[in-house]
């Protein structure tokens, strides 16, 4: 009977440690960040394709949205 009690205690302890551990998986993205909003707009197809290619060639972790955001910040600061 004492073995059963020890087993239950161990299971409860294991469950409580799982709740405090950091979850593994994808990091939260812009979609779940309240500082970002999703928009839709029309731009020239060739410009968009050229920009995507250039971003890939740069090799940085910067996507098209980051580029647009940077350009907007520059434009607004003028």
C-alpha atoms as a PDB file:
ATOM      1  CA  UNK A   1       0.000   0.000   0.000  1.00  0.00           C
ATOM      2  CA  UNK A   2       2.860   2.374   0.778  1.00  0.00           C
ATOM      3  CA  UNK A   3       4.332   1.685  -2.687  1.00  0.00           C
ATOM      4  CA  UNK A   4       1.065   2.861  -4.246  1.00  0.00           C
ATOM      5  CA  UNK A   5       1.215   6.080  -2.218  1.00  0.00           C
ATOM      6  CA  UNK A   6       4.834   6.682  -3.253  1.00  0.00           C
ATOM      7  CA  UNK A   7       3.916   6.138  -6.910  1.00  0.00           C
ATOM      8  CA  UNK A   8       1.070   8.660  -6.683  1.00  0.00           C
ATOM      9  CA  UNK A   9       3.372  11.196  -5.048  1.00  0.00           C
ATOM     10  CA  UNK A  10       5.980  10.719  -7.767  1.00  0.00           C
ATOM     11  CA  UNK A  11       3.387  11.205 -10.512  1.00  0.00           C
ATOM     12  CA  UNK A  12       2.110  14.384  -8.855  1.00  0.00           C
ATOM     13  CA  UNK A  13       5.652  15.739  -8.530  1.00  0.00           C
ATOM     14  CA  UNK A  14       6.392  14.955 -12.185  1.00  0.00           C
ATOM     15  CA  UNK A  15       3.211  16.724 -13.265  1.00  0.00           C
ATOM     16  CA  UNK A  16       4.043  19.836 -11.278  1.00  0.00           C
ATOM     17  CA  UNK A  17       7.551  20.087 -12.734  1.00  0.00           C
ATOM     18  CA  UNK A  18       6.160  19.866 -16.278  1.00  0.00           C
ATOM     19  CA  UNK A  19       4.053  22.972 -15.683  1.00  0.00           C
ATOM     20  CA  UNK A  20       7.071  25.083 -14.741  1.00  0.00           C
ATOM     21  CA  UNK A  21       9.308  23.943 -17.605  1.00  0.00           C
ATOM     22  CA  UNK A  22       9.637  26.171 -20.650  1.00  0.00           C
ATOM     23  CA  UNK A  23       7.601  24.898 -23.584  1.00  0.00           C
ATOM     24  CA  UNK A  24       9.564  23.747 -26.605  1.00  0.00           C
ATOM     25  CA  UNK A  25       8.368  24.695 -30.052  1.00  0.00           C
ATOM     26  CA  UNK A  26       8.106  27.592 -32.413  1.00  0.00           C
ATOM     27  CA  UNK A  27       8.723  31.042 -30.992  1.00  0.00           C
ATOM     28  CA  UNK A  28       5.793  33.427 -30.999  1.00  0.00           C
ATOM     29  CA  UNK A  29       5.557  35.393 -34.201  1.00  0.00           C
ATOM     30  CA  UNK A  30       4.284  38.758 -35.308  1.00  0.00           C
ATOM     31  CA  UNK A  31       0.732  37.453 -35.620  1.00  0.00           C
ATOM     32  CA  UNK A  32       0.471  37.027 -31.850  1.00  0.00           C
ATOM     33  CA  UNK A  33       2.405  40.232 -31.062  1.00  0.00           C
ATOM     34  CA  UNK A  34      -0.005  43.085 -30.227  1.00  0.00           C
ATOM     35  CA  UNK A  35       2.482  45.652 -31.594  1.00  0.00           C
ATOM     36  CA  UNK A  36       1.960  44.369 -35.135  1.00  0.00           C
ATOM     37  CA  UNK A  37      -1.048  44.428 -37.432  1.00  0.00           C
ATOM     38  CA  UNK A  38      -1.618  42.508 -40.639  1.00  0.00           C
ATOM     39  CA  UNK A  39      -2.339  44.552 -43.761  1.00  0.00           C
ATOM     40  CA  UNK A  40      -2.991  43.871 -47.405  1.00  0.00           C
ATOM     41  CA  UNK A  41      -1.883  46.071 -50.273  1.00  0.00           C
ATOM     42  CA  UNK A  42      -1.099  45.953 -53.971  1.00  0.00           C
ATOM     43  CA  UNK A  43       2.471  46.451 -55.160  1.00  0.00           C
ATOM     44  CA  UNK A  44       4.194  45.856 -58.460  1.00  0.00           C
ATOM     45  CA  UNK A  45       4.856  42.128 -58.864  1.00  0.00           C
ATOM     46  CA  UNK A  46       8.379  42.603 -60.253  1.00  0.00           C
ATOM     47  CA  UNK A  47       9.345  44.869 -57.343  1.00  0.00           C
ATOM     48  CA  UNK A  48       8.064  42.321 -54.840  1.00  0.00           C
ATOM     49  CA  UNK A  49       9.912  39.424 -56.494  1.00  0.00           C
ATOM     50  CA  UNK A  50      13.146  41.432 -56.750  1.00  0.00           C
ATOM     51  CA  UNK A  51      12.883  42.432 -53.094  1.00  0.00           C
ATOM     52  CA  UNK A  52      12.349  38.818 -51.999  1.00  0.00           C
ATOM     53  CA  UNK A  53      15.385  37.683 -54.003  1.00  0.00           C
ATOM     54  CA  UNK A  54      17.546  40.439 -52.537  1.00  0.00           C
ATOM     55  CA  UNK A  55      16.416  39.608 -48.985  1.00  0.00           C
ATOM     56  CA  UNK A  56      17.351  35.959 -49.537  1.00  0.00           C
ATOM     57  CA  UNK A  57      20.757  36.928 -50.940  1.00  0.00           C
ATOM     58  CA  UNK A  58      21.436  39.148 -47.905  1.00  0.00           C
ATOM     59  CA  UNK A  59      21.190  36.023 -45.787  1.00  0.00           C
ATOM     60  CA  UNK A  60      19.801  37.899 -42.799  1.00  0.00           C
ATOM     61  CA  UNK A  61      16.736  36.833 -40.855  1.00  0.00           C
ATOM     62  CA  UNK A  62      14.730  39.700 -42.342  1.00  0.00           C
ATOM     63  CA  UNK A  63      11.484  39.184 -44.172  1.00  0.00           C
ATOM     64  CA  UNK A  64       9.523  41.429 -46.502  1.00  0.00           C
ATOM     65  CA  UNK A  65       7.436  42.801 -43.644  1.00  0.00           C
ATOM     66  CA  UNK A  66      10.598  43.855 -41.791  1.00  0.00           C
ATOM     67  CA  UNK A  67      11.806  45.669 -44.906  1.00  0.00           C
ATOM     68  CA  UNK A  68       8.499  47.506 -45.346  1.00  0.00           C
ATOM     69  CA  UNK A  69       8.476  48.422 -41.646  1.00  0.00           C
ATOM     70  CA  UNK A  70      12.035  49.833 -41.875  1.00  0.00           C
ATOM     71  CA  UNK A  71      11.166  51.873 -44.956  1.00  0.00           C
ATOM     72  CA  UNK A  72       8.018  53.245 -43.294  1.00  0.00           C
ATOM     73  CA  UNK A  73       9.985  54.262 -40.198  1.00  0.00           C
ATOM     74  CA  UNK A  74      12.519  56.109 -42.377  1.00  0.00           C
ATOM     75  CA  UNK A  75       9.770  57.833 -44.337  1.00  0.00           C
ATOM     76  CA  UNK A  76       7.892  58.871 -41.196  1.00  0.00           C
ATOM     77  CA  UNK A  77      11.027  60.269 -39.549  1.00  0.00           C
ATOM     78  CA  UNK A  78      11.699  62.692 -42.451  1.00  0.00           C
END
